[in-house]
């Protein structure tokens, strides 16, 4: 998956004072979208992208995003669908999805999400595959790890950054997903978003992300 988030933010920012970004971080069941898929929600109600094929899931994501646009902050929205609900929106069976939703200061270059994805886009333009690591709990933070050894940003702790960098090396050879990092008796859940230049991107598989 290439990084189109910055382009979407640039498209939406002239008309919006507040924006939320929703990212599909985990899924079980059957969907046409891959983990890492993003939706940008503007305060005016304008939408770009989608974390599923639409219907009740995206509607719940938009509702939660509207709250964060008004209040700030971030949250993980967990949604369960039974088979009947899934069938209504075109899925073959039910399942669970987890969506990370974050308030983004789109005009602020020091916003960690904007900064991380701007750097990732530049690395992708140079032909580098990258991983953007984002914690699922706590404050907004992001760490970008390049296959060529570059690193930008922080998860807020140097030791955590080091552990995430080692995991990113494996993710670069596999797929995006949530990983748990044990550190000082605490469990940190981190989403690792693998992104590759279009010329080296792996072909997508049908069905749910594995």
N, C-alpha and C. Protein backbone atom coordinates (compact mmCIF):
# COMPACT_ATOMS: atom_id res chain seq x y z
N UNK A 1 0.86 -1.20 0.00
CA UNK A 1 0.00 0.00 0.00
C UNK A 1 0.89 1.25 0.00
N UNK A 2 0.66 2.14 -0.93
CA UNK A 2 1.41 3.38 -0.97
C UNK A 2 0.75 4.41 -0.06
N UNK A 3 1.47 5.50 0.19
CA UNK A 3 0.99 6.50 1.15
C UNK A 3 0.25 7.61 0.43
N UNK A 4 -1.08 7.55 0.44
CA UNK A 4 -1.88 8.61 -0.15
C UNK A 4 -2.50 9.52 0.87
N UNK A 5 -2.15 9.33 2.16
CA UNK A 5 -2.79 10.12 3.21
C UNK A 5 -2.49 11.61 3.06
N UNK A 6 -1.25 11.95 2.78
CA UNK A 6 -0.89 13.37 2.68
C UNK A 6 -1.65 14.02 1.53
N UNK A 7 -1.78 13.30 0.41
CA UNK A 7 -2.55 13.85 -0.71
C UNK A 7 -4.00 14.09 -0.30
N UNK A 8 -4.58 13.13 0.45
CA UNK A 8 -5.96 13.31 0.90
C UNK A 8 -6.08 14.50 1.85
N UNK A 9 -5.11 14.64 2.76
CA UNK A 9 -5.14 15.77 3.69
C UNK A 9 -5.00 17.09 2.95
N UNK A 10 -4.16 17.11 1.92
CA UNK A 10 -4.00 18.33 1.14
C UNK A 10 -5.27 18.66 0.36
N UNK A 11 -5.97 17.64 -0.10
CA UNK A 11 -7.21 17.86 -0.84
C UNK A 11 -8.32 18.39 0.07
N UNK A 12 -8.33 17.93 1.31
CA UNK A 12 -9.44 18.27 2.19
C UNK A 12 -9.15 19.51 3.04
N UNK A 13 -7.89 19.82 3.29
CA UNK A 13 -7.52 20.87 4.24
C UNK A 13 -7.98 22.28 3.86
N UNK A 14 -8.04 22.66 2.57
CA UNK A 14 -8.49 24.03 2.28
C UNK A 14 -9.90 24.33 2.75
N UNK A 15 -10.71 23.27 2.90
CA UNK A 15 -12.11 23.48 3.26
C UNK A 15 -12.42 23.12 4.71
N UNK A 16 -11.42 22.65 5.46
CA UNK A 16 -11.67 22.13 6.80
C UNK A 16 -10.75 22.79 7.83
N UNK A 17 -11.28 23.04 9.00
CA UNK A 17 -10.46 23.52 10.11
C UNK A 17 -10.07 22.39 11.05
N UNK A 18 -10.79 21.27 10.98
CA UNK A 18 -10.48 20.12 11.83
C UNK A 18 -10.72 18.85 11.03
N UNK A 19 -9.86 17.85 11.25
CA UNK A 19 -9.90 16.62 10.48
C UNK A 19 -9.62 15.44 11.40
N UNK A 20 -10.22 14.30 11.13
CA UNK A 20 -9.88 13.05 11.80
C UNK A 20 -9.46 12.03 10.76
N UNK A 21 -8.46 11.22 11.12
CA UNK A 21 -8.00 10.14 10.24
C UNK A 21 -8.33 8.81 10.90
N UNK A 22 -9.04 7.95 10.17
CA UNK A 22 -9.39 6.62 10.65
C UNK A 22 -8.59 5.58 9.88
N UNK A 23 -7.99 4.62 10.59
CA UNK A 23 -7.17 3.58 9.97
C UNK A 23 -7.66 2.21 10.40
N UNK A 24 -7.91 1.33 9.45
CA UNK A 24 -8.25 -0.05 9.76
C UNK A 24 -6.99 -0.76 10.25
N UNK A 25 -6.94 -1.12 11.54
CA UNK A 25 -5.73 -1.70 12.10
C UNK A 25 -5.83 -3.20 12.33
N UNK A 26 -7.05 -3.73 12.36
CA UNK A 26 -7.23 -5.17 12.58
C UNK A 26 -8.57 -5.60 12.02
N UNK A 27 -8.63 -6.81 11.46
CA UNK A 27 -9.88 -7.31 10.90
C UNK A 27 -9.88 -8.83 10.89
N UNK A 28 -11.01 -9.41 11.23
CA UNK A 28 -11.20 -10.86 11.11
C UNK A 28 -12.54 -11.09 10.44
N UNK A 29 -12.59 -12.02 9.50
CA UNK A 29 -13.83 -12.27 8.81
C UNK A 29 -13.66 -12.14 7.31
N UNK A 30 -14.41 -11.27 6.67
CA UNK A 30 -14.34 -11.12 5.21
C UNK A 30 -14.63 -9.69 4.80
N UNK A 31 -13.63 -9.01 4.22
CA UNK A 31 -13.82 -7.65 3.73
C UNK A 31 -12.95 -7.41 2.51
N UNK A 32 -13.32 -6.42 1.72
CA UNK A 32 -12.55 -6.10 0.53
C UNK A 32 -11.41 -5.13 0.83
N UNK A 33 -11.34 -4.62 2.04
CA UNK A 33 -10.31 -3.64 2.39
C UNK A 33 -9.16 -4.31 3.13
N UNK A 34 -7.95 -3.75 2.96
CA UNK A 34 -6.78 -4.27 3.63
C UNK A 34 -6.50 -3.49 4.90
N UNK A 35 -5.87 -4.16 5.86
CA UNK A 35 -5.38 -3.48 7.05
C UNK A 35 -4.46 -2.34 6.61
N UNK A 36 -4.64 -1.18 7.21
CA UNK A 36 -3.88 0.00 6.81
C UNK A 36 -4.70 0.97 5.97
N UNK A 37 -5.86 0.52 5.47
CA UNK A 37 -6.74 1.40 4.70
C UNK A 37 -7.23 2.57 5.56
N UNK A 38 -7.30 3.76 4.98
CA UNK A 38 -7.61 4.96 5.75
C UNK A 38 -8.82 5.72 5.20
N UNK A 39 -9.46 6.43 6.12
CA UNK A 39 -10.54 7.35 5.77
C UNK A 39 -10.22 8.70 6.41
N UNK A 40 -10.39 9.78 5.67
CA UNK A 40 -10.23 11.12 6.20
C UNK A 40 -11.62 11.74 6.35
N UNK A 41 -11.91 12.23 7.55
CA UNK A 41 -13.22 12.81 7.84
C UNK A 41 -13.04 14.28 8.18
N UNK A 42 -13.72 15.16 7.47
CA UNK A 42 -13.64 16.58 7.74
C UNK A 42 -14.75 17.04 8.65
N UNK A 43 -14.53 18.14 9.33
CA UNK A 43 -15.53 18.68 10.25
C UNK A 43 -16.83 19.06 9.56
N UNK A 44 -16.78 19.33 8.27
CA UNK A 44 -17.97 19.71 7.52
C UNK A 44 -18.78 18.49 7.08
N UNK A 45 -18.23 17.29 7.33
CA UNK A 45 -18.89 16.07 6.89
C UNK A 45 -18.31 15.48 5.63
N UNK A 46 -17.32 16.15 5.02
CA UNK A 46 -16.69 15.64 3.82
C UNK A 46 -15.85 14.41 4.14
N UNK A 47 -15.91 13.39 3.26
CA UNK A 47 -15.19 12.15 3.48
C UNK A 47 -14.30 11.84 2.29
N UNK A 48 -13.12 11.28 2.57
CA UNK A 48 -12.25 10.76 1.54
C UNK A 48 -11.84 9.35 1.96
N UNK A 49 -12.06 8.37 1.09
CA UNK A 49 -11.70 7.00 1.40
C UNK A 49 -12.73 6.30 2.25
N UNK A 50 -12.37 5.12 2.77
CA UNK A 50 -13.26 4.35 3.61
C UNK A 50 -12.52 3.17 4.20
N UNK A 51 -12.86 2.77 5.42
CA UNK A 51 -12.14 1.66 6.06
C UNK A 51 -12.77 0.32 5.73
N UNK A 52 -14.02 0.31 5.22
CA UNK A 52 -14.63 -0.92 4.70
C UNK A 52 -15.30 -0.56 3.38
N UNK A 53 -16.28 -1.35 2.96
CA UNK A 53 -16.95 -1.05 1.70
C UNK A 53 -18.13 -0.13 1.92
N UNK A 54 -18.29 0.37 3.13
CA UNK A 54 -19.38 1.29 3.41
C UNK A 54 -20.36 0.71 4.40
N UNK A 55 -21.56 1.27 4.45
CA UNK A 55 -22.59 0.73 5.32
C UNK A 55 -22.38 1.08 6.78
N UNK A 56 -22.81 0.15 7.66
CA UNK A 56 -22.87 0.46 9.09
C UNK A 56 -21.50 0.66 9.71
N UNK A 57 -20.48 -0.03 9.21
CA UNK A 57 -19.14 0.12 9.81
C UNK A 57 -18.61 1.53 9.58
N UNK A 58 -18.59 1.95 8.32
CA UNK A 58 -18.09 3.30 8.04
C UNK A 58 -18.95 4.36 8.73
N UNK A 59 -20.25 4.11 8.84
CA UNK A 59 -21.13 5.07 9.51
C UNK A 59 -20.74 5.22 10.98
N UNK A 60 -20.41 4.13 11.66
CA UNK A 60 -19.98 4.21 13.06
C UNK A 60 -18.63 4.91 13.17
N UNK A 61 -17.75 4.66 12.21
CA UNK A 61 -16.44 5.32 12.21
C UNK A 61 -16.62 6.83 12.05
N UNK A 62 -17.48 7.25 11.14
CA UNK A 62 -17.72 8.68 10.92
C UNK A 62 -18.30 9.32 12.18
N UNK A 63 -19.23 8.64 12.84
CA UNK A 63 -19.82 9.18 14.07
C UNK A 63 -18.75 9.39 15.15
N UNK A 64 -17.88 8.39 15.32
CA UNK A 64 -16.81 8.51 16.31
C UNK A 64 -15.81 9.59 15.91
N UNK A 65 -15.53 9.70 14.60
CA UNK A 65 -14.61 10.73 14.12
C UNK A 65 -15.16 12.13 14.38
N UNK A 66 -16.46 12.30 14.19
CA UNK A 66 -17.08 13.61 14.45
C UNK A 66 -16.87 14.04 15.90
N UNK A 67 -16.98 13.09 16.83
CA UNK A 67 -16.77 13.41 18.24
C UNK A 67 -15.34 13.85 18.50
N UNK A 68 -14.37 13.16 17.87
CA UNK A 68 -12.96 13.52 18.07
C UNK A 68 -12.62 14.85 17.40
N UNK A 69 -13.25 15.15 16.28
CA UNK A 69 -13.02 16.44 15.64
C UNK A 69 -13.44 17.56 16.58
N UNK A 70 -14.53 17.34 17.30
CA UNK A 70 -15.05 18.37 18.21
C UNK A 70 -14.23 18.46 19.50
N UNK A 71 -13.76 17.31 19.99
CA UNK A 71 -13.13 17.28 21.32
C UNK A 71 -11.62 17.06 21.28
N UNK A 72 -11.11 16.56 20.16
CA UNK A 72 -9.70 16.21 20.10
C UNK A 72 -9.47 14.81 20.63
N UNK A 73 -8.21 14.35 20.56
CA UNK A 73 -7.84 13.05 21.10
C UNK A 73 -7.86 11.95 20.07
N UNK A 74 -7.90 10.72 20.56
CA UNK A 74 -7.85 9.54 19.69
C UNK A 74 -8.47 8.36 20.41
N UNK A 75 -8.88 7.34 19.66
CA UNK A 75 -9.46 6.15 20.25
C UNK A 75 -9.42 5.01 19.24
N UNK A 76 -9.52 3.78 19.78
CA UNK A 76 -9.69 2.60 18.92
C UNK A 76 -11.14 2.19 19.01
N UNK A 77 -11.81 2.14 17.85
CA UNK A 77 -13.20 1.74 17.77
C UNK A 77 -13.25 0.28 17.35
N UNK A 78 -13.84 -0.58 18.20
CA UNK A 78 -13.99 -2.00 17.89
C UNK A 78 -15.44 -2.27 17.50
N UNK A 79 -15.63 -2.91 16.36
CA UNK A 79 -16.97 -3.16 15.82
C UNK A 79 -17.10 -4.65 15.49
N UNK A 80 -18.18 -5.26 15.95
CA UNK A 80 -18.47 -6.66 15.65
C UNK A 80 -19.71 -6.72 14.76
N UNK A 81 -19.66 -7.59 13.76
CA UNK A 81 -20.78 -7.78 12.85
C UNK A 81 -21.17 -9.25 12.83
N UNK A 82 -22.47 -9.54 12.98
CA UNK A 82 -22.90 -10.92 12.79
C UNK A 82 -23.08 -11.17 11.29
N UNK A 83 -23.38 -12.40 10.92
CA UNK A 83 -23.44 -12.74 9.50
C UNK A 83 -24.51 -11.95 8.76
N UNK A 84 -25.66 -11.71 9.39
CA UNK A 84 -26.74 -10.97 8.74
C UNK A 84 -26.34 -9.53 8.48
N UNK A 85 -25.70 -8.89 9.48
CA UNK A 85 -25.25 -7.51 9.31
C UNK A 85 -24.20 -7.42 8.21
N UNK A 86 -23.28 -8.39 8.20
CA UNK A 86 -22.23 -8.40 7.18
C UNK A 86 -22.83 -8.56 5.78
N UNK A 87 -23.81 -9.44 5.66
CA UNK A 87 -24.44 -9.69 4.35
C UNK A 87 -25.08 -8.43 3.80
N UNK A 88 -25.66 -7.61 4.67
CA UNK A 88 -26.35 -6.40 4.24
C UNK A 88 -25.41 -5.40 3.57
N UNK A 89 -24.13 -5.43 3.94
CA UNK A 89 -23.18 -4.49 3.34
C UNK A 89 -22.23 -5.18 2.36
N UNK A 90 -22.59 -6.41 1.95
CA UNK A 90 -21.84 -7.06 0.88
C UNK A 90 -20.72 -7.97 1.32
N UNK A 91 -20.59 -8.27 2.62
CA UNK A 91 -19.57 -9.19 3.08
C UNK A 91 -20.13 -10.61 3.11
N UNK A 92 -19.25 -11.58 2.97
CA UNK A 92 -19.72 -12.96 2.92
C UNK A 92 -19.98 -13.53 4.31
N UNK A 93 -19.37 -12.97 5.33
CA UNK A 93 -19.60 -13.46 6.69
C UNK A 93 -19.28 -12.34 7.68
N UNK A 94 -19.68 -12.57 8.94
CA UNK A 94 -19.43 -11.57 9.97
C UNK A 94 -17.98 -11.55 10.41
N UNK A 95 -17.67 -10.68 11.36
CA UNK A 95 -16.30 -10.59 11.85
C UNK A 95 -16.14 -9.38 12.75
N UNK A 96 -14.90 -9.07 13.08
CA UNK A 96 -14.58 -7.94 13.94
C UNK A 96 -13.59 -7.02 13.23
N UNK A 97 -13.76 -5.73 13.42
CA UNK A 97 -12.79 -4.76 12.92
C UNK A 97 -12.41 -3.80 14.04
N UNK A 98 -11.15 -3.42 14.06
CA UNK A 98 -10.66 -2.39 14.96
C UNK A 98 -10.15 -1.23 14.12
N UNK A 99 -10.62 -0.04 14.44
CA UNK A 99 -10.26 1.16 13.67
C UNK A 99 -9.67 2.20 14.61
N UNK A 100 -8.45 2.64 14.33
CA UNK A 100 -7.82 3.72 15.07
C UNK A 100 -8.27 5.04 14.47
N UNK A 101 -8.83 5.92 15.31
CA UNK A 101 -9.31 7.22 14.84
C UNK A 101 -8.56 8.31 15.60
N UNK A 102 -7.97 9.25 14.87
CA UNK A 102 -7.13 10.28 15.49
C UNK A 102 -7.49 11.67 14.97
N UNK A 103 -7.58 12.62 15.90
CA UNK A 103 -7.71 14.02 15.52
C UNK A 103 -6.37 14.48 14.96
N UNK A 104 -6.41 15.15 13.81
CA UNK A 104 -5.18 15.59 13.14
C UNK A 104 -5.23 17.09 12.93
N UNK A 105 -4.14 17.76 13.31
CA UNK A 105 -4.00 19.19 13.04
C UNK A 105 -3.37 19.33 11.66
N UNK A 106 -4.22 19.38 10.65
CA UNK A 106 -3.76 19.22 9.28
C UNK A 106 -2.84 20.35 8.83
N UNK A 107 -2.96 21.53 9.43
CA UNK A 107 -2.11 22.66 9.03
C UNK A 107 -0.88 22.82 9.92
N UNK A 108 -0.66 21.85 10.80
CA UNK A 108 0.44 21.91 11.76
C UNK A 108 1.52 20.93 11.35
N UNK A 109 2.68 21.45 10.90
CA UNK A 109 3.76 20.58 10.43
C UNK A 109 4.35 19.72 11.54
N UNK A 110 4.14 20.10 12.81
CA UNK A 110 4.69 19.30 13.91
C UNK A 110 3.68 18.28 14.42
N UNK A 111 2.47 18.25 13.86
CA UNK A 111 1.55 17.17 14.20
C UNK A 111 2.24 15.86 13.88
N UNK A 112 2.32 14.90 14.84
CA UNK A 112 3.11 13.69 14.61
C UNK A 112 2.60 12.84 13.46
N UNK A 113 1.31 12.83 13.22
CA UNK A 113 0.76 12.03 12.13
C UNK A 113 1.09 12.67 10.78
N UNK A 114 0.87 13.98 10.67
CA UNK A 114 1.19 14.69 9.44
C UNK A 114 2.68 14.60 9.14
N UNK A 115 3.51 14.83 10.16
CA UNK A 115 4.95 14.78 9.98
C UNK A 115 5.41 13.40 9.53
N UNK A 116 4.91 12.34 10.19
CA UNK A 116 5.35 10.98 9.87
C UNK A 116 4.98 10.61 8.44
N UNK A 117 3.76 10.90 8.04
CA UNK A 117 3.35 10.49 6.70
C UNK A 117 3.96 11.37 5.62
N UNK A 118 4.34 12.60 5.95
CA UNK A 118 5.08 13.43 4.99
C UNK A 118 6.45 12.82 4.74
N UNK A 119 7.12 12.39 5.82
CA UNK A 119 8.43 11.75 5.68
C UNK A 119 8.30 10.43 4.93
N UNK A 120 7.27 9.65 5.27
CA UNK A 120 7.07 8.37 4.59
C UNK A 120 6.85 8.58 3.09
N UNK A 121 6.09 9.60 2.74
CA UNK A 121 5.85 9.88 1.32
C UNK A 121 7.16 10.20 0.59
N UNK A 122 8.04 10.98 1.25
CA UNK A 122 9.32 11.32 0.63
C UNK A 122 10.19 10.07 0.45
N UNK A 123 10.17 9.19 1.44
CA UNK A 123 10.95 7.95 1.33
C UNK A 123 10.40 7.06 0.22
N UNK A 124 9.08 6.96 0.12
CA UNK A 124 8.47 6.17 -0.94
C UNK A 124 8.84 6.71 -2.32
N UNK A 125 8.91 8.04 -2.42
CA UNK A 125 9.27 8.67 -3.70
C UNK A 125 10.70 8.32 -4.11
N UNK A 126 11.55 8.02 -3.12
CA UNK A 126 12.93 7.61 -3.40
C UNK A 126 13.04 6.11 -3.66
N UNK A 127 11.92 5.42 -3.62
CA UNK A 127 11.96 3.99 -3.87
C UNK A 127 12.14 3.13 -2.64
N UNK A 128 12.01 3.72 -1.44
CA UNK A 128 12.17 2.98 -0.19
C UNK A 128 10.82 2.47 0.31
N UNK A 129 10.78 1.23 0.75
CA UNK A 129 9.64 0.75 1.51
C UNK A 129 9.79 1.23 2.95
N UNK A 130 8.67 1.52 3.60
CA UNK A 130 8.73 2.05 4.97
C UNK A 130 7.66 1.39 5.83
N UNK A 131 7.85 1.53 7.14
CA UNK A 131 6.83 1.15 8.11
C UNK A 131 6.56 2.36 8.99
N UNK A 132 5.29 2.70 9.16
CA UNK A 132 4.89 3.76 10.10
C UNK A 132 4.30 3.07 11.32
N UNK A 133 4.98 3.20 12.46
CA UNK A 133 4.54 2.59 13.71
C UNK A 133 3.78 3.62 14.54
N UNK A 134 2.59 3.23 15.02
CA UNK A 134 1.73 4.14 15.77
C UNK A 134 1.16 3.41 16.99
N UNK A 135 1.30 3.97 18.20
CA UNK A 135 0.73 3.32 19.38
C UNK A 135 -0.79 3.38 19.34
N UNK A 136 -1.45 2.35 19.87
CA UNK A 136 -2.90 2.34 19.90
C UNK A 136 -3.45 2.98 21.16
N UNK A 137 -2.62 3.12 22.18
CA UNK A 137 -3.06 3.80 23.40
C UNK A 137 -2.20 5.04 23.62
N UNK A 138 -2.71 5.94 24.46
CA UNK A 138 -1.95 7.13 24.82
C UNK A 138 -2.07 8.24 23.78
N UNK A 139 -1.11 9.14 23.82
CA UNK A 139 -1.14 10.31 22.95
C UNK A 139 -0.69 9.96 21.54
N UNK A 140 -1.03 10.83 20.58
CA UNK A 140 -0.60 10.63 19.20
C UNK A 140 0.91 10.63 19.11
N UNK A 141 1.42 9.67 18.38
CA UNK A 141 2.86 9.55 18.17
C UNK A 141 3.06 8.67 16.94
N UNK A 142 4.21 8.80 16.31
CA UNK A 142 4.48 7.97 15.14
C UNK A 142 5.99 7.86 14.94
N UNK A 143 6.41 6.68 14.53
CA UNK A 143 7.81 6.42 14.21
C UNK A 143 7.88 5.82 12.82
N UNK A 144 8.68 6.42 11.94
CA UNK A 144 8.84 5.93 10.58
C UNK A 144 10.17 5.20 10.47
N UNK A 145 10.13 3.98 9.97
CA UNK A 145 11.34 3.17 9.79
C UNK A 145 11.46 2.79 8.32
N UNK A 146 12.60 3.12 7.71
CA UNK A 146 12.83 2.84 6.30
C UNK A 146 13.62 1.55 6.12
N UNK A 147 13.38 0.86 5.01
CA UNK A 147 14.15 -0.35 4.72
C UNK A 147 15.64 -0.03 4.51
N UNK A 148 15.96 1.22 4.23
CA UNK A 148 17.35 1.61 4.02
C UNK A 148 18.00 2.13 5.30
N UNK A 149 17.31 2.00 6.42
CA UNK A 149 17.92 2.35 7.70
C UNK A 149 17.54 3.71 8.25
N UNK A 150 16.76 4.49 7.51
CA UNK A 150 16.33 5.79 8.02
C UNK A 150 15.28 5.66 9.11
N UNK A 151 15.24 6.64 10.01
CA UNK A 151 14.25 6.62 11.08
C UNK A 151 13.86 8.06 11.41
N UNK A 152 12.56 8.26 11.62
CA UNK A 152 12.05 9.61 11.91
C UNK A 152 10.93 9.50 12.93
N UNK A 153 10.93 10.45 13.89
CA UNK A 153 9.87 10.50 14.87
C UNK A 153 10.17 9.64 16.09
N UNK A 154 9.17 9.45 16.93
CA UNK A 154 9.33 8.66 18.15
C UNK A 154 7.97 8.21 18.67
N UNK A 155 7.98 7.09 19.38
CA UNK A 155 6.79 6.62 20.07
C UNK A 155 6.73 7.16 21.49
N UNK A 156 7.71 7.99 21.84
CA UNK A 156 7.72 8.63 23.15
C UNK A 156 8.72 8.05 24.12
N UNK A 157 9.41 6.98 23.73
CA UNK A 157 10.38 6.34 24.62
C UNK A 157 11.47 5.70 23.76
N UNK A 158 12.73 5.96 24.11
CA UNK A 158 13.84 5.48 23.28
C UNK A 158 13.89 3.96 23.22
N UNK A 159 13.64 3.31 24.35
CA UNK A 159 13.66 1.85 24.37
C UNK A 159 12.53 1.27 23.54
N UNK A 160 11.36 1.89 23.64
CA UNK A 160 10.22 1.45 22.84
C UNK A 160 10.50 1.66 21.36
N UNK A 161 11.15 2.77 21.02
CA UNK A 161 11.52 3.01 19.62
C UNK A 161 12.44 1.91 19.10
N UNK A 162 13.40 1.49 19.94
CA UNK A 162 14.33 0.44 19.53
C UNK A 162 13.63 -0.89 19.30
N UNK A 163 12.71 -1.23 20.20
CA UNK A 163 11.96 -2.47 20.04
C UNK A 163 11.08 -2.43 18.80
N UNK A 164 10.46 -1.27 18.57
CA UNK A 164 9.60 -1.12 17.39
C UNK A 164 10.41 -1.21 16.10
N UNK A 165 11.62 -0.68 16.11
CA UNK A 165 12.47 -0.74 14.93
C UNK A 165 12.80 -2.18 14.56
N UNK A 166 13.07 -3.01 15.56
CA UNK A 166 13.36 -4.43 15.29
C UNK A 166 12.14 -5.13 14.70
N UNK A 167 10.95 -4.84 15.25
CA UNK A 167 9.73 -5.45 14.72
C UNK A 167 9.48 -4.97 13.30
N UNK A 168 9.76 -3.69 13.04
CA UNK A 168 9.53 -3.13 11.70
C UNK A 168 10.35 -3.86 10.64
N UNK A 169 11.53 -4.33 11.01
CA UNK A 169 12.36 -5.07 10.06
C UNK A 169 11.65 -6.32 9.58
N UNK A 170 10.90 -6.97 10.48
CA UNK A 170 10.12 -8.15 10.10
C UNK A 170 8.89 -7.74 9.29
N UNK A 171 8.22 -6.65 9.72
CA UNK A 171 7.02 -6.20 9.02
C UNK A 171 7.34 -5.80 7.58
N UNK A 172 8.51 -5.24 7.35
CA UNK A 172 8.91 -4.86 5.99
C UNK A 172 8.93 -6.06 5.06
N UNK A 173 9.14 -7.26 5.62
CA UNK A 173 9.17 -8.48 4.81
C UNK A 173 7.83 -9.21 4.82
N UNK A 174 6.84 -8.65 5.56
CA UNK A 174 5.57 -9.35 5.66
C UNK A 174 4.41 -8.40 5.39
N UNK A 175 3.54 -8.18 6.41
CA UNK A 175 2.35 -7.35 6.20
C UNK A 175 2.09 -6.46 7.40
N UNK A 176 1.26 -5.46 7.18
CA UNK A 176 0.85 -4.55 8.26
C UNK A 176 0.07 -5.31 9.32
N UNK A 177 0.11 -4.78 10.56
CA UNK A 177 -0.67 -5.39 11.62
C UNK A 177 -0.31 -4.83 12.98
N UNK A 178 -1.05 -5.26 13.99
CA UNK A 178 -0.81 -4.85 15.37
C UNK A 178 0.16 -5.83 16.02
N UNK A 179 1.15 -5.31 16.70
CA UNK A 179 2.09 -6.12 17.47
C UNK A 179 2.10 -5.63 18.91
N UNK A 180 2.38 -6.54 19.84
CA UNK A 180 2.49 -6.17 21.26
C UNK A 180 3.96 -6.15 21.67
N UNK A 181 4.34 -5.10 22.39
CA UNK A 181 5.71 -4.94 22.87
C UNK A 181 5.67 -4.91 24.39
N UNK A 182 6.37 -5.85 25.03
CA UNK A 182 6.46 -5.90 26.49
C UNK A 182 7.66 -5.07 26.92
N UNK A 183 7.40 -4.09 27.80
CA UNK A 183 8.48 -3.19 28.23
C UNK A 183 8.24 -2.75 29.66
N UNK A 184 9.16 -3.09 30.56
CA UNK A 184 9.07 -2.69 31.96
C UNK A 184 7.74 -3.10 32.59
N UNK A 185 7.30 -4.30 32.28
CA UNK A 185 6.07 -4.82 32.87
C UNK A 185 4.80 -4.30 32.23
N UNK A 186 4.92 -3.49 31.18
CA UNK A 186 3.75 -2.95 30.49
C UNK A 186 3.67 -3.50 29.07
N UNK A 187 2.45 -3.68 28.59
CA UNK A 187 2.23 -4.13 27.23
C UNK A 187 1.81 -2.95 26.36
N UNK A 188 2.60 -2.70 25.33
CA UNK A 188 2.30 -1.60 24.39
C UNK A 188 1.80 -2.21 23.09
N UNK A 189 0.57 -1.85 22.70
CA UNK A 189 0.03 -2.30 21.41
C UNK A 189 0.35 -1.24 20.36
N UNK A 190 1.03 -1.66 19.32
CA UNK A 190 1.49 -0.74 18.29
C UNK A 190 1.04 -1.25 16.93
N UNK A 191 0.50 -0.35 16.12
CA UNK A 191 0.14 -0.70 14.75
C UNK A 191 1.30 -0.39 13.83
N UNK A 192 1.71 -1.40 13.05
CA UNK A 192 2.80 -1.26 12.09
C UNK A 192 2.21 -1.26 10.68
N UNK A 193 2.32 -0.11 10.03
CA UNK A 193 1.71 0.11 8.72
C UNK A 193 2.79 0.01 7.65
N UNK A 194 2.84 -1.12 6.95
CA UNK A 194 3.84 -1.33 5.90
C UNK A 194 3.39 -0.63 4.63
N UNK A 195 4.28 0.18 4.05
CA UNK A 195 3.98 0.90 2.82
C UNK A 195 5.13 0.71 1.85
N UNK A 196 4.81 0.51 0.59
CA UNK A 196 5.83 0.23 -0.42
C UNK A 196 5.60 1.08 -1.65
N UNK A 197 6.67 1.44 -2.37
CA UNK A 197 6.49 2.15 -3.64
C UNK A 197 5.65 1.30 -4.58
N UNK A 198 4.92 1.95 -5.45
CA UNK A 198 3.98 1.23 -6.33
C UNK A 198 4.67 0.16 -7.16
N UNK A 199 5.92 0.38 -7.53
CA UNK A 199 6.61 -0.58 -8.40
C UNK A 199 7.01 -1.85 -7.67
N UNK A 200 7.06 -1.79 -6.31
CA UNK A 200 7.48 -2.97 -5.55
C UNK A 200 6.39 -3.48 -4.65
N UNK A 201 5.21 -2.90 -4.74
CA UNK A 201 4.12 -3.28 -3.85
C UNK A 201 3.68 -4.70 -4.13
N UNK A 202 3.43 -5.47 -3.07
CA UNK A 202 2.95 -6.83 -3.23
C UNK A 202 1.53 -6.82 -3.77
N UNK A 203 1.19 -7.81 -4.63
CA UNK A 203 -0.19 -7.88 -5.10
C UNK A 203 -1.12 -8.19 -3.94
N UNK A 204 -2.31 -7.60 -3.97
CA UNK A 204 -3.26 -7.80 -2.89
C UNK A 204 -3.92 -9.16 -3.01
N UNK A 205 -4.33 -9.73 -1.86
CA UNK A 205 -5.04 -10.99 -1.83
C UNK A 205 -6.50 -10.73 -1.58
N UNK A 206 -7.36 -11.60 -2.08
CA UNK A 206 -8.78 -11.46 -1.81
C UNK A 206 -9.09 -11.89 -0.40
N UNK A 207 -10.21 -11.41 0.13
CA UNK A 207 -10.63 -11.83 1.46
C UNK A 207 -10.06 -10.96 2.54
N UNK A 208 -10.20 -11.37 3.76
CA UNK A 208 -9.75 -10.59 4.92
C UNK A 208 -8.24 -10.60 5.01
N UNK A 209 -7.65 -9.52 5.56
CA UNK A 209 -6.21 -9.52 5.82
C UNK A 209 -5.88 -10.62 6.81
N UNK A 210 -4.70 -11.21 6.64
CA UNK A 210 -4.29 -12.28 7.55
C UNK A 210 -3.15 -11.81 8.44
